[in-house]
C-alpha atoms as a PDB file:
ATOM      1  CA  UNK A   1     -13.880  47.954 -29.022  1.00  0.00           C
ATOM      2  CA  UNK A   2     -12.147  44.920 -27.529  1.00  0.00           C
ATOM      3  CA  UNK A   3      -9.131  43.764 -29.489  1.00  0.00           C
ATOM      4  CA  UNK A   4      -9.424  39.943 -29.844  1.00  0.00           C
ATOM      5  CA  UNK A   5      -5.709  39.522 -30.521  1.00  0.00           C
ATOM      6  CA  UNK A   6      -4.328  41.333 -27.493  1.00  0.00           C
ATOM      7  CA  UNK A   7      -3.431  39.123 -24.561  1.00  0.00           C
ATOM      8  CA  UNK A   8      -3.591  39.653 -20.817  1.00  0.00           C
ATOM      9  CA  UNK A   9      -0.699  41.844 -19.623  1.00  0.00           C
ATOM     10  CA  UNK A  10      -1.188  43.236 -16.090  1.00  0.00           C
ATOM     11  CA  UNK A  11       2.367  44.705 -15.965  1.00  0.00           C
ATOM     12  CA  UNK A  12       1.408  46.991 -18.840  1.00  0.00           C
ATOM     13  CA  UNK A  13      -1.910  47.844 -17.275  1.00  0.00           C
ATOM     14  CA  UNK A  14      -4.053  45.762 -19.605  1.00  0.00           C
ATOM     15  CA  UNK A  15      -6.397  43.248 -17.996  1.00  0.00           C
ATOM     16  CA  UNK A  16      -8.260  40.591 -20.075  1.00  0.00           C
ATOM     17  CA  UNK A  17      -9.971  37.853 -18.031  1.00  0.00           C
ATOM     18  CA  UNK A  18     -12.494  35.229 -19.241  1.00  0.00           C
ATOM     19  CA  UNK A  19     -14.735  33.867 -16.436  1.00  0.00           C
ATOM     20  CA  UNK A  20     -16.082  30.342 -17.083  1.00  0.00           C
ATOM     21  CA  UNK A  21     -18.557  30.690 -14.161  1.00  0.00           C
ATOM     22  CA  UNK A  22     -20.620  33.611 -13.016  1.00  0.00           C
ATOM     23  CA  UNK A  23     -18.843  36.807 -12.189  1.00  0.00           C
ATOM     24  CA  UNK A  24     -20.157  38.873  -9.193  1.00  0.00           C
ATOM     25  CA  UNK A  25     -19.716  42.585  -8.519  1.00  0.00           C
ATOM     26  CA  UNK A  26     -20.243  44.391  -5.219  1.00  0.00           C
ATOM     27  CA  UNK A  27     -23.095  46.733  -4.415  1.00  0.00           C
ATOM     28  CA  UNK A  28     -24.101  48.284  -1.110  1.00  0.00           C
ATOM     29  CA  UNK A  29     -27.132  46.744   0.534  1.00  0.00           C
ATOM     30  CA  UNK A  30     -29.847  49.495   0.635  1.00  0.00           C
ATOM     31  CA  UNK A  31     -31.637  47.791   3.568  1.00  0.00           C
ATOM     32  CA  UNK A  32     -28.639  48.343   5.888  1.00  0.00           C
ATOM     33  CA  UNK A  33     -28.101  52.138   6.487  1.00  0.00           C
ATOM     34  CA  UNK A  34     -26.135  52.100   9.721  1.00  0.00           C
ATOM     35  CA  UNK A  35     -23.799  49.172   9.021  1.00  0.00           C
ATOM     36  CA  UNK A  36     -22.063  48.741   5.639  1.00  0.00           C
ATOM     37  CA  UNK A  37     -23.113  45.467   3.961  1.00  0.00           C
ATOM     38  CA  UNK A  38     -22.065  44.457   0.475  1.00  0.00           C
ATOM     39  CA  UNK A  39     -24.174  42.387  -1.883  1.00  0.00           C
ATOM     40  CA  UNK A  40     -22.541  40.123  -4.503  1.00  0.00           C
ATOM     41  CA  UNK A  41     -24.634  40.337  -7.685  1.00  0.00           C
ATOM     42  CA  UNK A  42     -23.882  38.528 -11.008  1.00  0.00           C
ATOM     43  CA  UNK A  43     -22.966  40.333 -14.212  1.00  0.00           C
ATOM     44  CA  UNK A  44     -25.408  39.416 -17.051  1.00  0.00           C
ATOM     45  CA  UNK A  45     -25.592  40.390 -20.675  1.00  0.00           C
ATOM     46  CA  UNK A  46     -28.247  43.022 -21.269  1.00  0.00           C
ATOM     47  CA  UNK A  47     -29.090  41.596 -24.738  1.00  0.00           C
ATOM     48  CA  UNK A  48     -29.123  37.857 -24.286  1.00  0.00           C
ATOM     49  CA  UNK A  49     -28.936  37.438 -20.534  1.00  0.00           C
ATOM     50  CA  UNK A  50     -25.755  35.260 -20.519  1.00  0.00           C
ATOM     51  CA  UNK A  51     -23.930  35.159 -17.175  1.00  0.00           C
ATOM     52  CA  UNK A  52     -21.192  32.583 -17.871  1.00  0.00           C
ATOM     53  CA  UNK A  53     -18.257  32.704 -20.296  1.00  0.00           C
ATOM     54  CA  UNK A  54     -17.952  36.489 -20.067  1.00  0.00           C
ATOM     55  CA  UNK A  55     -14.753  38.258 -20.987  1.00  0.00           C
ATOM     56  CA  UNK A  56     -13.750  41.366 -18.929  1.00  0.00           C
ATOM     57  CA  UNK A  57     -11.314  43.908 -20.344  1.00  0.00           C
ATOM     58  CA  UNK A  58      -9.821  46.953 -18.641  1.00  0.00           C
ATOM     59  CA  UNK A  59      -6.976  49.177 -19.698  1.00  0.00           C
ATOM     60  CA  UNK A  60      -5.881  51.589 -16.965  1.00  0.00           C
ATOM     61  CA  UNK A  61      -4.432  54.332 -19.207  1.00  0.00           C
ATOM     62  CA  UNK A  62      -7.207  54.288 -21.870  1.00  0.00           C
ATOM     63  CA  UNK A  63     -10.555  53.497 -20.330  1.00  0.00           C
ATOM     64  CA  UNK A  64     -11.825  53.917 -16.803  1.00  0.00           C
ATOM     65  CA  UNK A  65     -14.687  51.437 -17.331  1.00  0.00           C
ATOM     66  CA  UNK A  66     -14.668  47.644 -17.561  1.00  0.00           C
ATOM     67  CA  UNK A  67     -15.714  46.407 -21.002  1.00  0.00           C
ATOM     68  CA  UNK A  68     -17.518  43.033 -21.149  1.00  0.00           C
ATOM     69  CA  UNK A  69     -17.918  40.655 -24.066  1.00  0.00           C
ATOM     70  CA  UNK A  70     -20.391  37.728 -23.899  1.00  0.00           C
ATOM     71  CA  UNK A  71     -20.116  34.392 -25.832  1.00  0.00           C
ATOM     72  CA  UNK A  72     -22.756  35.714 -28.306  1.00  0.00           C
ATOM     73  CA  UNK A  73     -20.337  38.541 -29.298  1.00  0.00           C
ATOM     74  CA  UNK A  74     -22.390  41.213 -27.458  1.00  0.00           C
ATOM     75  CA  UNK A  75     -20.162  43.948 -26.042  1.00  0.00           C
ATOM     76  CA  UNK A  76     -21.059  46.670 -23.544  1.00  0.00           C
ATOM     77  CA  UNK A  77     -19.419  48.898 -20.853  1.00  0.00           C
ATOM     78  CA  UNK A  78     -20.329  47.533 -17.392  1.00  0.00           C
ATOM     79  CA  UNK A  79     -20.426  50.560 -14.974  1.00  0.00           C
ATOM     80  CA  UNK A  80     -21.532  48.326 -12.074  1.00  0.00           C
ATOM     81  CA  UNK A  81     -18.041  46.657 -11.821  1.00  0.00           C
ATOM     82  CA  UNK A  82     -15.735  48.941  -9.882  1.00  0.00           C
ATOM     83  CA  UNK A  83     -12.317  49.257 -11.750  1.00  0.00           C
ATOM     84  CA  UNK A  84     -10.432  49.385  -8.450  1.00  0.00           C
ATOM     85  CA  UNK A  85     -12.086  46.176  -7.289  1.00  0.00           C
ATOM     86  CA  UNK A  86     -11.451  44.457 -10.640  1.00  0.00           C
ATOM     87  CA  UNK A  87      -7.755  45.448 -10.815  1.00  0.00           C
ATOM     88  CA  UNK A  88      -7.227  44.396  -7.154  1.00  0.00           C
ATOM     89  CA  UNK A  89      -8.943  41.043  -7.801  1.00  0.00           C
ATOM     90  CA  UNK A  90      -6.844  40.468 -10.942  1.00  0.00           C
ATOM     91  CA  UNK A  91      -3.608  41.355  -9.158  1.00  0.00           C
ATOM     92  CA  UNK A  92      -4.453  38.760  -6.462  1.00  0.00           C
ATOM     93  CA  UNK A  93      -4.626  36.076  -9.105  1.00  0.00           C
ATOM     94  CA  UNK A  94      -1.613  36.871 -11.269  1.00  0.00           C
ATOM     95  CA  UNK A  95       0.679  39.537  -9.797  1.00  0.00           C
ATOM     96  CA  UNK A  96       1.619  40.924  -6.377  1.00  0.00           C
ATOM     97  CA  UNK A  97      -1.565  40.964  -4.293  1.00  0.00           C
ATOM     98  CA  UNK A  98      -2.744  43.942  -2.256  1.00  0.00           C
ATOM     99  CA  UNK A  99      -3.440  42.609   1.227  1.00  0.00           C
ATOM    100  CA  UNK A 100      -5.618  45.693   2.039  1.00  0.00           C
ATOM    101  CA  UNK A 101      -8.124  44.562  -0.575  1.00  0.00           C
ATOM    102  CA  UNK A 102      -8.666  41.039   0.646  1.00  0.00           C
ATOM    103  CA  UNK A 103     -12.006  42.090   1.987  1.00  0.00           C
ATOM    104  CA  UNK A 104     -13.505  42.038  -1.523  1.00  0.00           C
ATOM    105  CA  UNK A 105     -12.911  38.338  -1.680  1.00  0.00           C
ATOM    106  CA  UNK A 106     -14.727  37.843   1.554  1.00  0.00           C
ATOM    107  CA  UNK A 107     -17.562  39.998   0.325  1.00  0.00           C
ATOM    108  CA  UNK A 108     -17.918  37.752  -2.840  1.00  0.00           C
ATOM    109  CA  UNK A 109     -16.369  39.814  -5.585  1.00  0.00           C
ATOM    110  CA  UNK A 110     -15.050  37.994  -8.673  1.00  0.00           C
ATOM    111  CA  UNK A 111     -15.621  34.648 -10.255  1.00  0.00           C
ATOM    112  CA  UNK A 112     -17.677  32.201  -8.219  1.00  0.00           C
ATOM    113  CA  UNK A 113     -15.722  29.192  -6.895  1.00  0.00           C
ATOM    114  CA  UNK A 114     -16.275  25.841  -8.551  1.00  0.00           C
ATOM    115  CA  UNK A 115     -19.071  23.672  -7.043  1.00  0.00           C
ATOM    116  CA  UNK A 116     -18.140  20.978  -4.539  1.00  0.00           C
ATOM    117  CA  UNK A 117     -17.200  17.567  -5.974  1.00  0.00           C
ATOM    118  CA  UNK A 118     -20.042  15.101  -5.915  1.00  0.00           C
ATOM    119  CA  UNK A 119     -18.078  11.989  -4.997  1.00  0.00           C
ATOM    120  CA  UNK A 120     -21.127   9.743  -5.193  1.00  0.00           C
ATOM    121  CA  UNK A 121     -21.435  10.691  -8.821  1.00  0.00           C
ATOM    122  CA  UNK A 122     -17.773  11.284  -9.839  1.00  0.00           C
ATOM    123  CA  UNK A 123     -16.239   8.082  -8.425  1.00  0.00           C
ATOM    124  CA  UNK A 124     -18.611   5.641 -10.358  1.00  0.00           C
ATOM    125  CA  UNK A 125     -18.127   7.715 -13.485  1.00  0.00           C
ATOM    126  CA  UNK A 126     -14.403   7.624 -13.161  1.00  0.00           C
ATOM    127  CA  UNK A 127     -14.511   3.874 -12.524  1.00  0.00           C
ATOM    128  CA  UNK A 128     -16.530   3.359 -15.668  1.00  0.00           C
ATOM    129  CA  UNK A 129     -14.120   5.460 -17.717  1.00  0.00           C
ATOM    130  CA  UNK A 130     -11.055   3.560 -16.383  1.00  0.00           C
ATOM    131  CA  UNK A 131     -12.786   0.231 -16.968  1.00  0.00           C
ATOM    132  CA  UNK A 132     -13.512   1.188 -20.523  1.00  0.00           C
ATOM    133  CA  UNK A 133      -9.908   2.157 -21.051  1.00  0.00           C
ATOM    134  CA  UNK A 134      -8.589  -1.141 -19.679  1.00  0.00           C
ATOM    135  CA  UNK A 135     -11.168  -3.161 -21.664  1.00  0.00           C
ATOM    136  CA  UNK A 136     -10.196  -1.270 -24.817  1.00  0.00           C
ATOM    137  CA  UNK A 137      -6.486  -1.859 -24.197  1.00  0.00           C
ATOM    138  CA  UNK A 138      -7.154  -5.589 -23.591  1.00  0.00           C
ATOM    139  CA  UNK A 139      -9.111  -5.839 -26.833  1.00  0.00           C
ATOM    140  CA  UNK A 140      -6.363  -4.128 -28.700  1.00  0.00           C
ATOM    141  CA  UNK A 141      -3.823  -6.549 -27.250  1.00  0.00           C
ATOM    142  CA  UNK A 142      -5.877  -9.604 -28.260  1.00  0.00           C
ATOM    143  CA  UNK A 143      -6.459  -8.173 -31.745  1.00  0.00           C
ATOM    144  CA  UNK A 144      -2.827  -7.491 -32.111  1.00  0.00           C
ATOM    145  CA  UNK A 145      -1.816 -11.101 -31.211  1.00  0.00           C
ATOM    146  CA  UNK A 146      -4.517 -12.447 -33.577  1.00  0.00           C
ATOM    147  CA  UNK A 147      -3.356 -10.225 -36.396  1.00  0.00           C
ATOM    148  CA  UNK A 148       0.239 -11.243 -35.842  1.00  0.00           C
ATOM    149  CA  UNK A 149      -0.587 -14.988 -36.009  1.00  0.00           C
ATOM    150  CA  UNK A 150      -2.825 -14.498 -38.985  1.00  0.00           C
ATOM    151  CA  UNK A 151      -0.080 -12.517 -40.724  1.00  0.00           C
ATOM    152  CA  UNK A 152       2.406 -15.293 -40.115  1.00  0.00           C
ATOM    153  CA  UNK A 153       0.058 -17.881 -41.453  1.00  0.00           C
ATOM    154  CA  UNK A 154      -0.752 -15.771 -44.578  1.00  0.00           C
ATOM    155  CA  UNK A 155       2.910 -15.148 -45.250  1.00  0.00           C
ATOM    156  CA  UNK A 156       3.711 -18.843 -44.866  1.00  0.00           C
ATOM    157  CA  UNK A 157       0.844 -19.782 -47.207  1.00  0.00           C
ATOM    158  CA  UNK A 158       1.961 -17.225 -49.736  1.00  0.00           C
ATOM    159  CA  UNK A 159       5.508 -18.493 -49.671  1.00  0.00           C
ATOM    160  CA  UNK A 160       4.316 -22.074 -50.191  1.00  0.00           C
ATOM    161  CA  UNK A 161       1.923 -21.060 -52.972  1.00  0.00           C
ATOM    162  CA  UNK A 162       4.442 -18.872 -54.837  1.00  0.00           C
ATOM    163  CA  UNK A 163       7.432 -21.250 -54.357  1.00  0.00           C
ATOM    164  CA  UNK A 164       6.988 -22.881 -57.855  1.00  0.00           C
ATOM    165  CA  UNK A 165       6.669 -19.403 -59.422  1.00  0.00           C
ATOM    166  CA  UNK A 166       9.810 -18.255 -57.667  1.00  0.00           C
ATOM    167  CA  UNK A 167      11.656 -21.400 -58.755  1.00  0.00           C
ATOM    168  CA  UNK A 168      10.637 -20.849 -62.413  1.00  0.00           C
ATOM    169  CA  UNK A 169      11.691 -17.199 -62.292  1.00  0.00           C
ATOM    170  CA  UNK A 170      14.956 -18.076 -60.650  1.00  0.00           C
ATOM    171  CA  UNK A 171      15.670 -20.813 -63.278  1.00  0.00           C
ATOM    172  CA  UNK A 172      14.778 -18.219 -66.042  1.00  0.00           C
ATOM    173  CA  UNK A 173      17.169 -15.707 -64.691  1.00  0.00           C
ATOM    174  CA  UNK A 174      19.910 -18.345 -64.373  1.00  0.00           C
ATOM    175  CA  UNK A 175      19.348 -19.477 -67.955  1.00  0.00           C
ATOM    176  CA  UNK A 176      19.429 -15.935 -69.228  1.00  0.00           C
ATOM    177  CA  UNK A 177      22.701 -15.290 -67.331  1.00  0.00           C
ATOM    178  CA  UNK A 178      24.215 -18.511 -68.476  1.00  0.00           C
ATOM    179  CA  UNK A 179      24.574 -19.956 -64.982  1.00  0.00           C
ATOM    180  CA  UNK A 180      23.974 -23.715 -64.761  1.00  0.00           C
ATOM    181  CA  UNK A 181      21.350 -24.567 -62.070  1.00  0.00           C
ATOM    182  CA  UNK A 182      22.768 -26.301 -59.062  1.00  0.00           C
ATOM    183  CA  UNK A 183      20.568 -28.899 -57.511  1.00  0.00           C
ATOM    184  CA  UNK A 184      21.076 -29.164 -53.792  1.00  0.00           C
ATOM    185  CA  UNK A 185      21.915 -32.550 -52.255  1.00  0.00           C
ATOM    186  CA  UNK A 186      18.866 -34.506 -50.973  1.00  0.00           C
ATOM    187  CA  UNK A 187      19.835 -34.423 -47.306  1.00  0.00           C
ATOM    188  CA  UNK A 188      21.560 -31.078 -47.311  1.00  0.00           C
ATOM    189  CA  UNK A 189      20.096 -27.976 -45.772  1.00  0.00           C
ATOM    190  CA  UNK A 190      20.458 -24.533 -47.342  1.00  0.00           C
ATOM    191  CA  UNK A 191      21.833 -22.657 -44.395  1.00  0.00           C
ATOM    192  CA  UNK A 192      23.841 -25.501 -42.939  1.00  0.00           C
ATOM    193  CA  UNK A 193      27.507 -24.536 -42.260  1.00  0.00           C
ATOM    194  CA  UNK A 194      30.439 -26.774 -42.103  1.00  0.00           C
ATOM    195  CA  UNK A 195      31.490 -27.682 -38.517  1.00  0.00           C
ATOM    196  CA  UNK A 196      34.533 -25.763 -37.431  1.00  0.00           C
ATOM    197  CA  UNK A 197      37.604 -27.081 -35.544  1.00  0.00           C
ATOM    198  CA  UNK A 198      37.026 -28.453 -32.094  1.00  0.00           C
ATOM    199  CA  UNK A 199      38.855 -26.308 -29.500  1.00  0.00           C
ATOM    200  CA  UNK A 200      40.367 -28.463 -26.594  1.00  0.00           C
ATOM    201  CA  UNK A 201      39.982 -27.567 -23.013  1.00  0.00           C
ATOM    202  CA  UNK A 202      42.617 -25.523 -21.144  1.00  0.00           C
ATOM    203  CA  UNK A 203      43.560 -28.620 -19.093  1.00  0.00           C
ATOM    204  CA  UNK A 204      44.778 -30.317 -22.319  1.00  0.00           C
ATOM    205  CA  UNK A 205      47.037 -27.299 -23.158  1.00  0.00           C
ATOM    206  CA  UNK A 206      48.394 -27.329 -19.621  1.00  0.00           C
ATOM    207  CA  UNK A 207      49.223 -31.026 -19.754  1.00  0.00           C
ATOM    208  CA  UNK A 208      50.793 -30.745 -23.228  1.00  0.00           C
ATOM    209  CA  UNK A 209      53.065 -27.786 -22.392  1.00  0.00           C
ATOM    210  CA  UNK A 210      53.833 -28.835 -18.775  1.00  0.00           C
ATOM    211  CA  UNK A 211      52.169 -25.803 -17.213  1.00  0.00           C
ATOM    212  CA  UNK A 212      51.732 -26.375 -13.437  1.00  0.00           C
ATOM    213  CA  UNK A 213      48.243 -26.280 -12.058  1.00  0.00           C
ATOM    214  CA  UNK A 214      47.331 -23.187 -10.073  1.00  0.00           C
ATOM    215  CA  UNK A 215      47.844 -23.625  -6.352  1.00  0.00           C
ATOM    216  CA  UNK A 216      44.695 -23.842  -4.290  1.00  0.00           C
ATOM    217  CA  UNK A 217      44.355 -20.945  -1.832  1.00  0.00           C
ATOM    218  CA  UNK A 218      43.456 -21.247   1.822  1.00  0.00           C
ATOM    219  CA  UNK A 219      39.883 -22.135   2.747  1.00  0.00           C
ATOM    220  CA  UNK A 220      39.760 -19.367   5.403  1.00  0.00           C
ATOM    221  CA  UNK A 221      40.823 -15.980   4.142  1.00  0.00           C
ATOM    222  CA  UNK A 222      40.877 -14.469   7.641  1.00  0.00           C
ATOM    223  CA  UNK A 223      43.612 -16.664   9.232  1.00  0.00           C
ATOM    224  CA  UNK A 224      44.852 -18.433   6.155  1.00  0.00           C
ATOM    225  CA  UNK A 225      44.057 -21.921   7.719  1.00  0.00           C
ATOM    226  CA  UNK A 226      46.310 -21.219  10.764  1.00  0.00           C
ATOM    227  CA  UNK A 227      43.492 -21.131  13.339  1.00  0.00           C
ATOM    228  CA  UNK A 228      44.669 -17.898  14.954  1.00  0.00           C
ATOM    229  CA  UNK A 229      44.854 -14.291  13.887  1.00  0.00           C
ATOM    230  CA  UNK A 230      48.309 -13.001  14.636  1.00  0.00           C
ATOM    231  CA  UNK A 231      49.263  -9.350  14.327  1.00  0.00           C
ATOM    232  CA  UNK A 232      51.520  -6.916  16.177  1.00  0.00           C
ATOM    233  CA  UNK A 233      50.056  -6.883  19.645  1.00  0.00           C
ATOM    234  CA  UNK A 234      47.215  -9.259  18.710  1.00  0.00           C
ATOM    235  CA  UNK A 235      46.948 -13.060  19.027  1.00  0.00           C
ATOM    236  CA  UNK A 236      43.344 -14.406  19.059  1.00  0.00           C
ATOM    237  CA  UNK A 237      41.536 -17.485  17.937  1.00  0.00           C
ATOM    238  CA  UNK A 238      39.876 -17.249  14.518  1.00  0.00           C
ATOM    239  CA  UNK A 239      36.108 -17.432  14.745  1.00  0.00           C
ATOM    240  CA  UNK A 240      35.540 -17.820  10.990  1.00  0.00           C
ATOM    241  CA  UNK A 241      36.905 -21.390  10.826  1.00  0.00           C
ATOM    242  CA  UNK A 242      37.556 -24.319  13.200  1.00  0.00           C
ATOM    243  CA  UNK A 243      41.249 -24.299  12.774  1.00  0.00           C
ATOM    244  CA  UNK A 244      43.808 -26.654  11.126  1.00  0.00           C
ATOM    245  CA  UNK A 245      43.354 -29.491  13.679  1.00  0.00           C
ATOM    246  CA  UNK A 246      39.622 -29.605  13.177  1.00  0.00           C
ATOM    247  CA  UNK A 247      40.100 -29.469   9.382  1.00  0.00           C
ATOM    248  CA  UNK A 248      42.573 -32.306   9.442  1.00  0.00           C
ATOM    249  CA  UNK A 249      40.206 -34.365  11.735  1.00  0.00           C
ATOM    250  CA  UNK A 250      37.283 -33.775   9.353  1.00  0.00           C
ATOM    251  CA  UNK A 251      39.447 -34.773   6.391  1.00  0.00           C
ATOM    252  CA  UNK A 252      40.488 -37.990   8.226  1.00  0.00           C
ATOM    253  CA  UNK A 253      36.807 -38.730   9.021  1.00  0.00           C
ATOM    254  CA  UNK A 254      35.917 -38.262   5.426  1.00  0.00           C
ATOM    255  CA  UNK A 255      38.762 -40.543   4.285  1.00  0.00           C
ATOM    256  CA  UNK A 256      37.713 -43.239   6.805  1.00  0.00           C
ATOM    257  CA  UNK A 257      34.089 -42.979   5.658  1.00  0.00           C
ATOM    258  CA  UNK A 258      35.211 -43.513   2.045  1.00  0.00           C
ATOM    259  CA  UNK A 259      37.258 -46.500   3.094  1.00  0.00           C
ATOM    260  CA  UNK A 260      34.367 -48.020   4.959  1.00  0.00           C
ATOM    261  CA  UNK A 261      32.096 -47.465   2.033  1.00  0.00           C
ATOM    262  CA  UNK A 262      34.587 -49.142  -0.271  1.00  0.00           C
ATOM    263  CA  UNK A 263      34.929 -52.121   2.076  1.00  0.00           C
ATOM    264  CA  UNK A 264      31.162 -52.629   2.112  1.00  0.00           C
ATOM    265  CA  UNK A 265      31.069 -52.480  -1.689  1.00  0.00           C
ATOM    266  CA  UNK A 266      33.747 -55.209  -2.016  1.00  0.00           C
ATOM    267  CA  UNK A 267      32.041 -57.496   0.502  1.00  0.00           C
ATOM    268  CA  UNK A 268      28.759 -57.069  -1.239  1.00  0.00           C
ATOM    269  CA  UNK A 269      30.030 -59.179  -4.194  1.00  0.00           C
ATOM    270  CA  UNK A 270      30.501 -62.404  -2.028  1.00  0.00           C
ATOM    271  CA  UNK A 271      27.528 -64.716  -1.523  1.00  0.00           C
ATOM    272  CA  UNK A 272      26.477 -65.322   2.063  1.00  0.00           C
ATOM    273  CA  UNK A 273      24.719 -68.549   3.212  1.00  0.00           C
ATOM    274  CA  UNK A 274      21.073 -68.250   4.072  1.00  0.00           C
ATOM    275  CA  UNK A 275      19.494 -68.874   7.461  1.00  0.00           C
ATOM    276  CA  UNK A 276      18.471 -72.429   6.523  1.00  0.00           C
ATOM    277  CA  UNK A 277      21.978 -73.356   5.379  1.00  0.00           C
ATOM    278  CA  UNK A 278      23.538 -71.897   8.455  1.00  0.00           C
ATOM    279  CA  UNK A 279      21.065 -73.777  10.702  1.00  0.00           C
ATOM    280  CA  UNK A 280      21.609 -77.061   8.772  1.00  0.00           C
ATOM    281  CA  UNK A 281      25.462 -76.826   9.135  1.00  0.00           C
ATOM    282  CA  UNK A 282      25.306 -76.000  12.840  1.00  0.00           C
ATOM    283  CA  UNK A 283      25.776 -72.299  12.342  1.00  0.00           C
ATOM    284  CA  UNK A 284      29.168 -72.601  10.621  1.00  0.00           C
ATOM    285  CA  UNK A 285      29.190 -72.216   6.893  1.00  0.00           C
ATOM    286  CA  UNK A 286      31.117 -74.891   4.864  1.00  0.00           C
ATOM    287  CA  UNK A 287      31.114 -77.618   7.625  1.00  0.00           C
ATOM    288  CA  UNK A 288      28.967 -80.773   7.404  1.00  0.00           C
ATOM    289  CA  UNK A 289      27.328 -82.379  10.408  1.00  0.00           C
ATOM    290  CA  UNK A 290      28.154 -86.048  11.293  1.00  0.00           C
ATOM    291  CA  UNK A 291      24.481 -86.948  11.239  1.00  0.00           C
ATOM    292  CA  UNK A 292      24.330 -86.150   7.552  1.00  0.00           C
ATOM    293  CA  UNK A 293      27.293 -88.403   6.826  1.00  0.00           C
ATOM    294  CA  UNK A 294      25.708 -91.351   8.729  1.00  0.00           C
ATOM    295  CA  UNK A 295      22.453 -90.876   6.962  1.00  0.00           C
ATOM    296  CA  UNK A 296      24.046 -90.889   3.590  1.00  0.00           C
ATOM    297  CA  UNK A 297      26.070 -94.052   4.432  1.00  0.00           C
ATOM    298  CA  UNK A 298      23.002 -95.986   5.574  1.00  0.00           C
ATOM    299  CA  UNK A 299      21.307 -95.103   2.405  1.00  0.00           C
END
């Protein structure tokens, strides 16, 4: 009788294996008398003919025969399954394998291998499953957003609808406690806080207390604006900056550019004579021609 509560324990000599697929045992081929040829034949239930989902049990110290239990709870001793082959096959799967018994695997003993994967069938099926999952998650996300917005609208509507009721209850509690109701100012908000003191900038503090401004450091941290890197046994030109002379020249050019820009701005305020006035006055602004004076005298 197979104990349904006892688990597989090969170290103690108890083997309990359930085969999902067909389980084959080895038998000599009677057609070959000179050469040894093994046949792999499936184990089937003698009562119902089931050949899948069979449970094989063997205990070395108690029984020399492999007991088999089918899914329909039919139990029988299977003398066709060799106990030595069964224990060797079980040891190859869970414990230390016996390399001298690897020939039983080549002969076909044990559970049949799984069928090859039909990629033409499995890939479209997997794609459909993944698509369904993504579509379901997208629908959940949309429903969640809709429920969140509907919940906010409902909450706002309930607050507006029950505002008079809350005001009446609040007034009743205040009257019962003897607290006079305080009416808020017309333009005052409930959660509005009084503005705090304005904190001045650090420059104001420095000017008030006479704190000197921090000195500006060198622009080039390699040579410290000297143009050359000087060290014991080393005197080379700095390649990270153009040197103090170039910096001074660039500063002078910027200063001259600012001066020129300021001169143009000041000259832009004066009115200049047009082309016709300059041509009428002989090209010099502010001077009248003698012909104009004669013409005016004759008139």
